[in-house]
Amino acid sequence: MAIIKEAQLYFCKLDPKRPNDKFDRENPTWEVQIRTNDKKKAKEWEDLKLKVNKDEDKQGKLYYKVNLKKKSKKRDGSDQEPVTVVGGDLTAIDPNTIGNGSIANIRIYQYEYDVAGRKGLASMLMAVQITELHKYEPKPREDDFEMSEMKVVEIADNQETDTSNVVDLGKF
């Protein structure tokens, strides 16, 4: 297994109960995009045979990115173990609190494949160790409810109700 040090995280979908099913409903994936602005670090990723792509942010600054994922099901249909997410002190972290720009060490498992004449080295996301958490807090929607008072009226089970204006549809 290989460990990728100090990568920026983006678009984390690591909730053990809710892997991303956008591209495959039968076998959803846990996934994360790692980024760096450092050319040397991008070269290290390429040396690990990771597919490194170049992109630009909104300010036009160049960065390198790699998408890593792990399928939720094995080939035989049994469940995979979810991606482990821990903090620097190795205690569990809620993956839903990881915001874009968080820094982490990533453990991947690499294996050779030969499928339909295509050969290569595949990488599977195994674990994430957060070293700098940029805490994600969802913003409320504009059309969301706001807090208001709520009145609770207790009704006893043996309380009778007025049924004089109820129509019996069985008579028609």
N, C-alpha and C. Protein backbone atom coordinates (compact mmCIF):
# COMPACT_ATOMS: atom_id res chain seq x y z
N MET A 1 0.84 -1.19 0.00
CA MET A 1 0.00 0.00 0.00
C MET A 1 0.88 1.24 0.00
N ALA A 2 0.37 2.25 -0.64
CA ALA A 2 1.10 3.51 -0.73
C ALA A 2 0.38 4.58 0.08
N ILE A 3 1.15 5.54 0.59
CA ILE A 3 0.56 6.66 1.31
C ILE A 3 0.92 7.95 0.59
N ILE A 4 -0.08 8.73 0.30
CA ILE A 4 0.08 10.04 -0.33
C ILE A 4 0.01 11.06 0.80
N LYS A 5 1.07 11.85 0.95
CA LYS A 5 1.18 12.81 2.06
C LYS A 5 0.67 14.19 1.68
N GLU A 6 -0.01 14.82 2.63
CA GLU A 6 -0.40 16.24 2.58
C GLU A 6 -1.07 16.64 1.27
N ALA A 7 -2.17 15.98 0.95
CA ALA A 7 -2.95 16.32 -0.24
C ALA A 7 -4.16 17.16 0.18
N GLN A 8 -4.53 18.11 -0.67
CA GLN A 8 -5.75 18.87 -0.43
C GLN A 8 -6.93 18.01 -0.88
N LEU A 9 -8.00 18.02 -0.10
CA LEU A 9 -9.18 17.23 -0.43
C LEU A 9 -10.29 18.10 -0.98
N TYR A 10 -10.99 17.56 -1.98
CA TYR A 10 -12.15 18.23 -2.56
C TYR A 10 -13.21 17.18 -2.87
N PHE A 11 -14.46 17.57 -2.75
CA PHE A 11 -15.61 16.75 -3.13
C PHE A 11 -15.60 15.38 -2.45
N CYS A 12 -15.39 15.36 -1.14
CA CYS A 12 -15.37 14.10 -0.38
C CYS A 12 -16.76 13.49 -0.32
N LYS A 13 -16.83 12.25 -0.70
CA LYS A 13 -18.05 11.45 -0.56
C LYS A 13 -17.62 10.17 0.14
N LEU A 14 -17.48 10.26 1.47
CA LEU A 14 -16.90 9.17 2.25
C LEU A 14 -17.83 8.65 3.34
N ASP A 15 -19.09 9.07 3.34
CA ASP A 15 -20.04 8.60 4.35
C ASP A 15 -20.24 7.09 4.17
N PRO A 16 -19.93 6.28 5.20
CA PRO A 16 -20.04 4.82 5.06
C PRO A 16 -21.44 4.35 4.67
N LYS A 17 -22.47 5.10 5.09
CA LYS A 17 -23.85 4.70 4.81
C LYS A 17 -24.37 5.23 3.48
N ARG A 18 -23.65 6.18 2.88
CA ARG A 18 -24.16 6.82 1.66
C ARG A 18 -23.07 7.01 0.61
N PRO A 19 -22.56 5.91 0.03
CA PRO A 19 -21.60 6.10 -1.07
C PRO A 19 -22.30 6.76 -2.26
N ASN A 20 -21.53 7.37 -3.12
CA ASN A 20 -22.06 8.10 -4.27
C ASN A 20 -22.60 7.13 -5.32
N ASP A 21 -23.89 7.23 -5.63
CA ASP A 21 -24.49 6.36 -6.64
C ASP A 21 -24.83 7.09 -7.93
N LYS A 22 -24.24 8.26 -8.12
CA LYS A 22 -24.55 9.08 -9.29
C LYS A 22 -24.19 8.38 -10.60
N PHE A 23 -23.08 7.65 -10.63
CA PHE A 23 -22.63 7.02 -11.86
C PHE A 23 -22.94 5.53 -11.93
N ASP A 24 -23.20 4.90 -10.78
CA ASP A 24 -23.47 3.46 -10.76
C ASP A 24 -24.39 3.15 -9.58
N ARG A 25 -25.65 2.96 -9.85
CA ARG A 25 -26.62 2.68 -8.78
C ARG A 25 -26.42 1.29 -8.18
N GLU A 26 -25.91 0.35 -8.97
CA GLU A 26 -25.71 -1.02 -8.50
C GLU A 26 -24.48 -1.14 -7.59
N ASN A 27 -23.46 -0.34 -7.87
CA ASN A 27 -22.22 -0.41 -7.10
C ASN A 27 -21.69 1.01 -6.84
N PRO A 28 -22.32 1.74 -5.90
CA PRO A 28 -21.88 3.10 -5.61
C PRO A 28 -20.45 3.13 -5.05
N THR A 29 -19.84 4.30 -5.09
CA THR A 29 -18.44 4.42 -4.68
C THR A 29 -18.25 5.49 -3.61
N TRP A 30 -17.23 5.27 -2.77
CA TRP A 30 -16.72 6.32 -1.90
C TRP A 30 -15.61 6.97 -2.69
N GLU A 31 -15.54 8.28 -2.65
CA GLU A 31 -14.56 8.95 -3.50
C GLU A 31 -14.11 10.29 -2.94
N VAL A 32 -12.96 10.73 -3.46
CA VAL A 32 -12.40 12.02 -3.08
C VAL A 32 -11.49 12.48 -4.21
N GLN A 33 -11.40 13.79 -4.38
CA GLN A 33 -10.44 14.36 -5.33
C GLN A 33 -9.31 14.96 -4.51
N ILE A 34 -8.06 14.60 -4.86
CA ILE A 34 -6.92 15.20 -4.18
C ILE A 34 -6.29 16.20 -5.14
N ARG A 35 -5.76 17.28 -4.56
CA ARG A 35 -5.16 18.35 -5.37
C ARG A 35 -3.86 18.83 -4.75
N THR A 36 -3.04 19.42 -5.61
CA THR A 36 -1.82 20.09 -5.17
C THR A 36 -1.47 21.17 -6.19
N ASN A 37 -0.75 22.18 -5.72
CA ASN A 37 -0.21 23.20 -6.62
C ASN A 37 1.27 22.94 -6.88
N ASP A 38 1.84 21.97 -6.17
CA ASP A 38 3.25 21.65 -6.21
C ASP A 38 3.56 20.66 -7.34
N LYS A 39 4.40 21.09 -8.29
CA LYS A 39 4.78 20.25 -9.42
C LYS A 39 5.49 18.97 -8.98
N LYS A 40 6.34 19.08 -7.96
CA LYS A 40 7.09 17.92 -7.47
C LYS A 40 6.14 16.87 -6.89
N LYS A 41 5.14 17.34 -6.14
CA LYS A 41 4.17 16.41 -5.57
C LYS A 41 3.35 15.74 -6.68
N ALA A 42 2.99 16.49 -7.70
CA ALA A 42 2.26 15.92 -8.83
C ALA A 42 3.11 14.86 -9.53
N LYS A 43 4.42 15.10 -9.61
CA LYS A 43 5.33 14.12 -10.22
C LYS A 43 5.38 12.85 -9.37
N GLU A 44 5.38 12.99 -8.03
CA GLU A 44 5.34 11.82 -7.14
C GLU A 44 4.07 11.00 -7.40
N TRP A 45 2.95 11.70 -7.60
CA TRP A 45 1.69 11.00 -7.88
C TRP A 45 1.78 10.26 -9.21
N GLU A 46 2.37 10.90 -10.20
CA GLU A 46 2.56 10.24 -11.50
C GLU A 46 3.46 9.02 -11.37
N ASP A 47 4.50 9.13 -10.53
CA ASP A 47 5.40 7.99 -10.30
C ASP A 47 4.67 6.82 -9.65
N LEU A 48 3.57 7.10 -8.92
CA LEU A 48 2.73 6.05 -8.34
C LEU A 48 1.74 5.50 -9.38
N LYS A 49 1.85 5.97 -10.61
CA LYS A 49 0.97 5.56 -11.72
C LYS A 49 -0.47 6.04 -11.52
N LEU A 50 -0.64 7.17 -10.84
CA LEU A 50 -1.95 7.78 -10.70
C LEU A 50 -2.21 8.67 -11.91
N LYS A 51 -3.45 8.78 -12.32
CA LYS A 51 -3.82 9.61 -13.46
C LYS A 51 -3.95 11.07 -12.99
N VAL A 52 -2.91 11.85 -13.24
CA VAL A 52 -2.86 13.25 -12.80
C VAL A 52 -3.34 14.15 -13.93
N ASN A 53 -4.28 15.02 -13.61
CA ASN A 53 -4.79 15.98 -14.59
C ASN A 53 -4.48 17.40 -14.12
N LYS A 54 -4.30 18.30 -15.09
CA LYS A 54 -4.09 19.72 -14.79
C LYS A 54 -5.42 20.44 -14.92
N ASP A 55 -5.60 21.47 -14.09
CA ASP A 55 -6.80 22.28 -14.17
C ASP A 55 -6.47 23.67 -13.64
N GLU A 56 -7.40 24.61 -13.79
CA GLU A 56 -7.22 25.97 -13.27
C GLU A 56 -8.37 26.31 -12.36
N ASP A 57 -8.07 27.04 -11.26
CA ASP A 57 -9.13 27.49 -10.38
C ASP A 57 -9.77 28.76 -10.95
N LYS A 58 -10.70 29.36 -10.23
CA LYS A 58 -11.43 30.53 -10.72
C LYS A 58 -10.53 31.74 -10.96
N GLN A 59 -9.39 31.78 -10.26
CA GLN A 59 -8.45 32.89 -10.44
C GLN A 59 -7.43 32.58 -11.54
N GLY A 60 -7.54 31.44 -12.19
CA GLY A 60 -6.63 31.07 -13.27
C GLY A 60 -5.35 30.42 -12.78
N LYS A 61 -5.28 30.03 -11.51
CA LYS A 61 -4.08 29.40 -10.95
C LYS A 61 -4.10 27.90 -11.26
N LEU A 62 -2.98 27.37 -11.75
CA LEU A 62 -2.85 25.97 -12.14
C LEU A 62 -2.78 25.06 -10.91
N TYR A 63 -3.47 23.93 -10.97
CA TYR A 63 -3.33 22.90 -9.94
C TYR A 63 -3.42 21.53 -10.60
N TYR A 64 -2.97 20.52 -9.86
CA TYR A 64 -2.98 19.13 -10.33
C TYR A 64 -3.98 18.37 -9.49
N LYS A 65 -4.71 17.45 -10.12
CA LYS A 65 -5.74 16.72 -9.38
C LYS A 65 -5.75 15.24 -9.78
N VAL A 66 -6.20 14.42 -8.82
CA VAL A 66 -6.37 12.98 -9.01
C VAL A 66 -7.67 12.58 -8.33
N ASN A 67 -8.49 11.80 -9.01
CA ASN A 67 -9.72 11.28 -8.42
C ASN A 67 -9.45 9.86 -7.93
N LEU A 68 -9.78 9.61 -6.66
CA LEU A 68 -9.60 8.29 -6.07
C LEU A 68 -10.94 7.78 -5.60
N LYS A 69 -11.16 6.47 -5.74
CA LYS A 69 -12.44 5.92 -5.31
C LYS A 69 -12.30 4.48 -4.85
N LYS A 70 -13.36 4.02 -4.21
CA LYS A 70 -13.46 2.63 -3.78
C LYS A 70 -14.91 2.21 -3.97
N LYS A 71 -15.12 1.11 -4.68
CA LYS A 71 -16.47 0.60 -4.90
C LYS A 71 -17.01 0.02 -3.60
N SER A 72 -18.32 0.11 -3.43
CA SER A 72 -18.95 -0.39 -2.20
C SER A 72 -19.20 -1.90 -2.23
N LYS A 73 -19.10 -2.51 -3.41
CA LYS A 73 -19.31 -3.95 -3.55
C LYS A 73 -18.10 -4.61 -4.20
N LYS A 74 -17.80 -5.83 -3.75
CA LYS A 74 -16.74 -6.62 -4.38
C LYS A 74 -17.30 -7.28 -5.63
N ARG A 75 -16.45 -7.91 -6.41
CA ARG A 75 -16.90 -8.60 -7.64
C ARG A 75 -17.95 -9.65 -7.35
N ASP A 76 -17.84 -10.33 -6.20
CA ASP A 76 -18.79 -11.39 -5.86
C ASP A 76 -20.10 -10.84 -5.30
N GLY A 77 -20.23 -9.51 -5.21
CA GLY A 77 -21.46 -8.88 -4.74
C GLY A 77 -21.50 -8.60 -3.25
N SER A 78 -20.52 -9.09 -2.50
CA SER A 78 -20.49 -8.83 -1.06
C SER A 78 -20.03 -7.40 -0.80
N ASP A 79 -20.36 -6.89 0.38
CA ASP A 79 -20.04 -5.50 0.73
C ASP A 79 -18.55 -5.33 1.01
N GLN A 80 -18.01 -4.20 0.56
CA GLN A 80 -16.64 -3.79 0.88
C GLN A 80 -16.67 -3.06 2.22
N GLU A 81 -15.54 -3.04 2.90
CA GLU A 81 -15.40 -2.20 4.09
C GLU A 81 -15.35 -0.75 3.61
N PRO A 82 -16.04 0.18 4.29
CA PRO A 82 -15.98 1.59 3.87
C PRO A 82 -14.58 2.16 4.08
N VAL A 83 -14.34 3.30 3.47
CA VAL A 83 -13.07 4.00 3.62
C VAL A 83 -12.96 4.48 5.06
N THR A 84 -11.82 4.22 5.69
CA THR A 84 -11.57 4.65 7.07
C THR A 84 -11.21 6.14 7.05
N VAL A 85 -11.81 6.90 7.96
CA VAL A 85 -11.52 8.34 8.07
C VAL A 85 -11.15 8.64 9.51
N VAL A 86 -9.90 9.09 9.72
CA VAL A 86 -9.41 9.40 11.06
C VAL A 86 -8.73 10.76 11.07
N GLY A 87 -8.52 11.27 12.27
CA GLY A 87 -7.78 12.51 12.45
C GLY A 87 -6.31 12.21 12.64
N GLY A 88 -5.53 13.24 12.85
CA GLY A 88 -4.10 13.10 13.07
C GLY A 88 -3.77 12.22 14.27
N ASP A 89 -4.67 12.22 15.27
CA ASP A 89 -4.46 11.40 16.47
C ASP A 89 -5.07 10.00 16.33
N LEU A 90 -5.49 9.64 15.13
CA LEU A 90 -6.06 8.33 14.77
C LEU A 90 -7.44 8.05 15.36
N THR A 91 -8.13 9.08 15.85
CA THR A 91 -9.51 8.90 16.29
C THR A 91 -10.44 9.12 15.10
N ALA A 92 -11.56 8.45 15.10
CA ALA A 92 -12.51 8.53 13.99
C ALA A 92 -13.05 9.96 13.83
N ILE A 93 -13.26 10.33 12.57
CA ILE A 93 -13.82 11.64 12.24
C ILE A 93 -15.06 11.41 11.39
N ASP A 94 -16.09 12.21 11.62
CA ASP A 94 -17.30 12.14 10.79
C ASP A 94 -16.93 12.62 9.39
N PRO A 95 -17.02 11.75 8.38
CA PRO A 95 -16.62 12.16 7.02
C PRO A 95 -17.49 13.26 6.43
N ASN A 96 -18.67 13.47 6.99
CA ASN A 96 -19.55 14.52 6.49
C ASN A 96 -19.11 15.91 6.92
N THR A 97 -18.09 16.01 7.79
CA THR A 97 -17.60 17.30 8.25
C THR A 97 -16.38 17.77 7.46
N ILE A 98 -15.91 16.98 6.50
CA ILE A 98 -14.71 17.33 5.74
C ILE A 98 -15.08 18.31 4.63
N GLY A 99 -14.52 19.51 4.72
CA GLY A 99 -14.78 20.53 3.72
C GLY A 99 -13.68 20.62 2.68
N ASN A 100 -13.99 21.23 1.56
CA ASN A 100 -12.99 21.43 0.50
C ASN A 100 -11.80 22.19 1.04
N GLY A 101 -10.60 21.76 0.64
CA GLY A 101 -9.38 22.41 1.07
C GLY A 101 -8.75 21.78 2.30
N SER A 102 -9.45 20.81 2.92
CA SER A 102 -8.85 20.09 4.05
C SER A 102 -7.59 19.38 3.57
N ILE A 103 -6.64 19.19 4.47
CA ILE A 103 -5.37 18.53 4.14
C ILE A 103 -5.37 17.15 4.78
N ALA A 104 -4.87 16.15 4.03
CA ALA A 104 -4.90 14.79 4.55
C ALA A 104 -3.80 13.93 3.95
N ASN A 105 -3.51 12.83 4.65
CA ASN A 105 -2.69 11.75 4.12
C ASN A 105 -3.67 10.69 3.63
N ILE A 106 -3.38 10.11 2.48
CA ILE A 106 -4.29 9.16 1.85
C ILE A 106 -3.58 7.82 1.68
N ARG A 107 -4.23 6.75 2.11
CA ARG A 107 -3.67 5.41 1.88
C ARG A 107 -4.44 4.76 0.74
N ILE A 108 -3.68 4.27 -0.25
CA ILE A 108 -4.29 3.61 -1.39
C ILE A 108 -3.71 2.20 -1.53
N TYR A 109 -4.51 1.33 -2.10
CA TYR A 109 -4.08 -0.03 -2.41
C TYR A 109 -3.95 -0.09 -3.93
N GLN A 110 -2.81 -0.56 -4.41
CA GLN A 110 -2.60 -0.64 -5.85
C GLN A 110 -2.45 -2.10 -6.27
N TYR A 111 -3.03 -2.41 -7.43
CA TYR A 111 -2.96 -3.78 -7.95
C TYR A 111 -2.95 -3.74 -9.48
N GLU A 112 -2.32 -4.74 -10.05
CA GLU A 112 -2.26 -4.85 -11.51
C GLU A 112 -3.54 -5.50 -12.00
N TYR A 113 -3.97 -5.08 -13.18
CA TYR A 113 -5.16 -5.70 -13.78
C TYR A 113 -4.88 -6.04 -15.24
N ASP A 114 -5.63 -7.00 -15.75
CA ASP A 114 -5.58 -7.41 -17.15
C ASP A 114 -7.01 -7.77 -17.54
N VAL A 115 -7.73 -6.83 -18.12
CA VAL A 115 -9.13 -7.02 -18.47
C VAL A 115 -9.31 -6.74 -19.95
N ALA A 116 -9.82 -7.73 -20.66
CA ALA A 116 -10.11 -7.60 -22.10
C ALA A 116 -8.91 -7.06 -22.88
N GLY A 117 -7.73 -7.54 -22.54
CA GLY A 117 -6.52 -7.13 -23.26
C GLY A 117 -5.92 -5.82 -22.78
N ARG A 118 -6.59 -5.15 -21.86
CA ARG A 118 -6.05 -3.90 -21.31
C ARG A 118 -5.36 -4.20 -20.00
N LYS A 119 -4.11 -3.76 -19.89
CA LYS A 119 -3.33 -3.98 -18.67
C LYS A 119 -2.99 -2.65 -18.03
N GLY A 120 -2.81 -2.68 -16.73
CA GLY A 120 -2.44 -1.45 -16.04
C GLY A 120 -2.36 -1.66 -14.55
N LEU A 121 -2.23 -0.54 -13.85
CA LEU A 121 -2.16 -0.54 -12.40
C LEU A 121 -3.34 0.29 -11.88
N ALA A 122 -4.20 -0.35 -11.09
CA ALA A 122 -5.36 0.35 -10.53
C ALA A 122 -5.06 0.75 -9.09
N SER A 123 -5.68 1.82 -8.66
CA SER A 123 -5.52 2.32 -7.29
C SER A 123 -6.88 2.41 -6.62
N MET A 124 -6.96 1.88 -5.39
CA MET A 124 -8.20 1.90 -4.63
C MET A 124 -7.99 2.70 -3.35
N LEU A 125 -8.88 3.64 -3.10
CA LEU A 125 -8.87 4.45 -1.88
C LEU A 125 -9.16 3.55 -0.67
N MET A 126 -8.30 3.59 0.34
CA MET A 126 -8.48 2.74 1.51
C MET A 126 -8.75 3.54 2.79
N ALA A 127 -7.99 4.61 3.01
CA ALA A 127 -8.12 5.36 4.25
C ALA A 127 -7.69 6.81 4.06
N VAL A 128 -8.26 7.68 4.91
CA VAL A 128 -7.95 9.11 4.88
C VAL A 128 -7.62 9.53 6.31
N GLN A 129 -6.46 10.20 6.47
CA GLN A 129 -6.06 10.74 7.78
C GLN A 129 -6.03 12.26 7.64
N ILE A 130 -6.97 12.92 8.29
CA ILE A 130 -7.08 14.38 8.21
C ILE A 130 -6.00 15.01 9.09
N THR A 131 -5.19 15.89 8.49
CA THR A 131 -4.18 16.60 9.27
C THR A 131 -4.56 18.07 9.48
N GLU A 132 -5.45 18.59 8.62
CA GLU A 132 -5.98 19.95 8.77
C GLU A 132 -7.42 19.93 8.27
N LEU A 133 -8.36 20.04 9.20
CA LEU A 133 -9.77 19.95 8.85
C LEU A 133 -10.35 21.33 8.58
N HIS A 134 -10.88 21.51 7.40
CA HIS A 134 -11.68 22.69 7.07
C HIS A 134 -13.12 22.22 7.22
N LYS A 135 -13.72 22.51 8.35
CA LYS A 135 -15.01 21.93 8.70
C LYS A 135 -16.11 22.41 7.76
N TYR A 136 -16.83 21.43 7.22
CA TYR A 136 -17.96 21.71 6.34
C TYR A 136 -19.23 21.87 7.16
N GLU A 137 -19.91 22.99 6.96
CA GLU A 137 -21.20 23.21 7.59
C GLU A 137 -22.16 23.65 6.49
N PRO A 138 -23.19 22.82 6.23
CA PRO A 138 -24.11 23.16 5.14
C PRO A 138 -24.81 24.48 5.38
N LYS A 139 -24.96 25.26 4.32
CA LYS A 139 -25.67 26.54 4.42
C LYS A 139 -27.16 26.27 4.32
N PRO A 140 -27.96 27.02 5.08
CA PRO A 140 -29.41 26.83 4.96
C PRO A 140 -29.89 27.29 3.58
N ARG A 141 -30.89 26.59 3.09
CA ARG A 141 -31.45 26.97 1.79
C ARG A 141 -32.29 28.22 1.95
N GLU A 142 -32.44 28.98 0.86
CA GLU A 142 -33.23 30.20 0.91
C GLU A 142 -34.71 29.90 1.15
N ASP A 143 -35.17 28.76 0.64
CA ASP A 143 -36.59 28.43 0.78
C ASP A 143 -36.84 27.47 1.94
N ASP A 144 -35.90 27.41 2.89
CA ASP A 144 -36.03 26.51 4.03
C ASP A 144 -36.95 27.12 5.09
N PHE A 145 -37.47 26.26 5.97
CA PHE A 145 -38.28 26.73 7.09
C PHE A 145 -37.41 27.53 8.04
N GLU A 146 -38.04 28.46 8.75
CA GLU A 146 -37.35 29.14 9.83
C GLU A 146 -38.00 28.73 11.13
N MET A 147 -37.29 28.92 12.23
CA MET A 147 -37.83 28.50 13.52
C MET A 147 -39.08 29.30 13.85
N SER A 148 -40.07 28.61 14.41
CA SER A 148 -41.29 29.28 14.85
C SER A 148 -41.84 28.53 16.07
N GLU A 149 -42.77 29.18 16.77
CA GLU A 149 -43.37 28.55 17.93
C GLU A 149 -44.24 27.39 17.49
N MET A 150 -44.34 26.39 18.35
CA MET A 150 -45.21 25.26 18.06
C MET A 150 -46.10 25.03 19.28
N LYS A 151 -47.37 24.88 19.03
CA LYS A 151 -48.34 24.65 20.10
C LYS A 151 -48.68 23.16 20.08
N VAL A 152 -48.65 22.53 21.24
CA VAL A 152 -48.98 21.12 21.36
C VAL A 152 -50.29 21.00 22.13
N VAL A 153 -51.27 20.33 21.52
CA VAL A 153 -52.56 20.13 22.15
C VAL A 153 -52.68 18.64 22.46
N GLU A 154 -52.79 18.32 23.73
CA GLU A 154 -52.91 16.92 24.15
C GLU A 154 -54.36 16.48 24.00
N ILE A 155 -54.58 15.33 23.39
CA ILE A 155 -55.91 14.76 23.24
C ILE A 155 -55.88 13.38 23.87
N ALA A 156 -56.77 13.14 24.81
CA ALA A 156 -56.83 11.84 25.48
C ALA A 156 -57.47 10.81 24.56
N ASP A 157 -57.09 9.55 24.69
CA ASP A 157 -57.64 8.48 23.86
C ASP A 157 -59.14 8.29 24.08
N ASN A 158 -59.62 8.55 25.28
CA ASN A 158 -61.03 8.31 25.58
C ASN A 158 -61.90 9.54 25.32
N GLN A 159 -61.36 10.56 24.73
CA GLN A 159 -62.10 11.80 24.46
C GLN A 159 -63.04 11.57 23.28
N GLU A 160 -64.30 11.99 23.44
CA GLU A 160 -65.27 11.84 22.37
C GLU A 160 -65.18 13.03 21.43
N THR A 161 -65.47 12.80 20.17
CA THR A 161 -65.46 13.88 19.18
C THR A 161 -66.86 14.05 18.64
N ASP A 162 -67.14 15.26 18.15
CA ASP A 162 -68.44 15.56 17.57
C ASP A 162 -68.48 15.03 16.15
N THR A 163 -69.37 14.07 15.87
CA THR A 163 -69.47 13.47 14.54
C THR A 163 -70.81 13.78 13.89
N SER A 164 -71.53 14.81 14.35
CA SER A 164 -72.85 15.11 13.82
C SER A 164 -72.82 15.59 12.37
N ASN A 165 -71.71 16.17 11.94
CA ASN A 165 -71.65 16.67 10.57
C ASN A 165 -70.87 15.73 9.65
N VAL A 166 -70.62 14.49 10.07
CA VAL A 166 -69.90 13.52 9.25
C VAL A 166 -70.91 12.76 8.40
N VAL A 167 -70.67 12.64 7.11
CA VAL A 167 -71.55 11.95 6.19
C VAL A 167 -71.11 10.50 6.09
N ASP A 168 -72.02 9.56 6.21
CA ASP A 168 -71.71 8.14 6.07
C ASP A 168 -71.82 7.79 4.59
N LEU A 169 -70.71 7.54 3.94
CA LEU A 169 -70.70 7.24 2.51
C LEU A 169 -71.24 5.85 2.21
N GLY A 170 -71.39 5.03 3.21
CA GLY A 170 -71.90 3.68 3.00
C GLY A 170 -73.37 3.66 2.63
N LYS A 171 -74.10 4.76 2.85
CA LYS A 171 -75.53 4.81 2.56
C LYS A 171 -75.82 5.13 1.09
N PHE A 172 -74.86 5.54 0.33
CA PHE A 172 -75.11 5.95 -1.06
C PHE A 172 -75.06 4.79 -2.00
